[in-house]
Amino acid sequence: MKKIIGLIICLALVVILKNPISIGMMYVFDFIGNTFNITTVEVIDFLNEIYYL
């Protein structure tokens, strides 16, 4: 029973915090791309799709 409640709480947190996590990860990958001069368009597009789900 405790495992089910923990799973439900984790799922609720992921749903609630999905947008801030996506935006934060976009910032991190953009920073990495700018720092090392690599293309991160695909990763940022994927995170953008997650943001708008």
C-alpha atoms as a PDB file:
ATOM      1  CA  MET A   1       0.000   0.000   0.000  1.00  0.00           C
ATOM      2  CA  LYS A   2       2.845   2.405   0.818  1.00  0.00           C
ATOM      3  CA  LYS A   3       4.474   1.722  -2.554  1.00  0.00           C
ATOM      4  CA  ILE A   4       1.262   2.616  -4.391  1.00  0.00           C
ATOM      5  CA  ILE A   5       0.880   5.861  -2.433  1.00  0.00           C
ATOM      6  CA  GLY A   6       4.531   6.718  -3.116  1.00  0.00           C
ATOM      7  CA  LEU A   7       4.065   6.027  -6.805  1.00  0.00           C
ATOM      8  CA  ILE A   8       0.967   8.226  -6.951  1.00  0.00           C
ATOM      9  CA  ILE A   9       2.797  11.049  -5.168  1.00  0.00           C
ATOM     10  CA  CYS A  10       5.774  10.763  -7.558  1.00  0.00           C
ATOM     11  CA  LEU A  11       3.462  10.769 -10.565  1.00  0.00           C
ATOM     12  CA  ALA A  12       1.617  13.841  -9.253  1.00  0.00           C
ATOM     13  CA  LEU A  13       4.918  15.672  -8.723  1.00  0.00           C
ATOM     14  CA  VAL A  14       6.077  14.855 -12.245  1.00  0.00           C
ATOM     15  CA  VAL A  15       2.802  16.146 -13.692  1.00  0.00           C
ATOM     16  CA  ILE A  16       2.927  19.333 -11.594  1.00  0.00           C
ATOM     17  CA  LEU A  17       6.645  20.012 -12.115  1.00  0.00           C
ATOM     18  CA  LYS A  18       6.811  18.958 -15.786  1.00  0.00           C
ATOM     19  CA  ASN A  19       6.909  22.499 -17.152  1.00  0.00           C
ATOM     20  CA  PRO A  20       9.565  23.929 -14.782  1.00  0.00           C
ATOM     21  CA  ILE A  21      11.728  20.838 -15.297  1.00  0.00           C
ATOM     22  CA  SER A  22      11.402  21.138 -19.100  1.00  0.00           C
ATOM     23  CA  ILE A  23      12.276  24.838 -19.071  1.00  0.00           C
ATOM     24  CA  GLY A  24      15.238  24.215 -16.759  1.00  0.00           C
ATOM     25  CA  MET A  25      16.548  21.430 -18.966  1.00  0.00           C
ATOM     26  CA  MET A  26      16.150  23.641 -22.058  1.00  0.00           C
ATOM     27  CA  TYR A  27      18.271  26.275 -20.329  1.00  0.00           C
ATOM     28  CA  VAL A  28      20.933  23.726 -19.364  1.00  0.00           C
ATOM     29  CA  PHE A  29      21.183  22.242 -22.865  1.00  0.00           C
ATOM     30  CA  ASP A  30      21.231  25.708 -24.440  1.00  0.00           C
ATOM     31  CA  PHE A  31      24.060  26.714 -22.116  1.00  0.00           C
ATOM     32  CA  ILE A  32      25.990  23.532 -22.962  1.00  0.00           C
ATOM     33  CA  GLY A  33      25.424  24.110 -26.687  1.00  0.00           C
ATOM     34  CA  ASN A  34      26.621  27.699 -26.508  1.00  0.00           C
ATOM     35  CA  THR A  35      29.612  26.837 -24.330  1.00  0.00           C
ATOM     36  CA  PHE A  36      30.913  23.981 -26.470  1.00  0.00           C
ATOM     37  CA  ASN A  37      29.582  25.334 -29.791  1.00  0.00           C
ATOM     38  CA  ILE A  38      27.465  22.254 -30.534  1.00  0.00           C
ATOM     39  CA  THR A  39      23.959  21.992 -31.954  1.00  0.00           C
ATOM     40  CA  THR A  40      21.285  21.102 -29.418  1.00  0.00           C
ATOM     41  CA  VAL A  41      18.243  21.825 -31.573  1.00  0.00           C
ATOM     42  CA  GLU A  42      16.901  18.271 -31.473  1.00  0.00           C
ATOM     43  CA  VAL A  43      17.132  18.030 -27.689  1.00  0.00           C
ATOM     44  CA  ILE A  44      15.508  21.423 -27.173  1.00  0.00           C
ATOM     45  CA  ASP A  45      12.735  20.541 -29.655  1.00  0.00           C
ATOM     46  CA  PHE A  46      12.090  17.316 -27.728  1.00  0.00           C
ATOM     47  CA  LEU A  47      11.920  19.208 -24.423  1.00  0.00           C
ATOM     48  CA  ASN A  48       9.622  21.757 -26.061  1.00  0.00           C
ATOM     49  CA  GLU A  49       7.264  18.947 -27.090  1.00  0.00           C
ATOM     50  CA  ILE A  50       7.264  17.625 -23.518  1.00  0.00           C
ATOM     51  CA  TYR A  51       6.508  21.151 -22.262  1.00  0.00           C
ATOM     52  CA  TYR A  52       3.416  21.435 -24.467  1.00  0.00           C
ATOM     53  CA  LEU A  53       1.976  17.975 -23.650  1.00  0.00           C
END
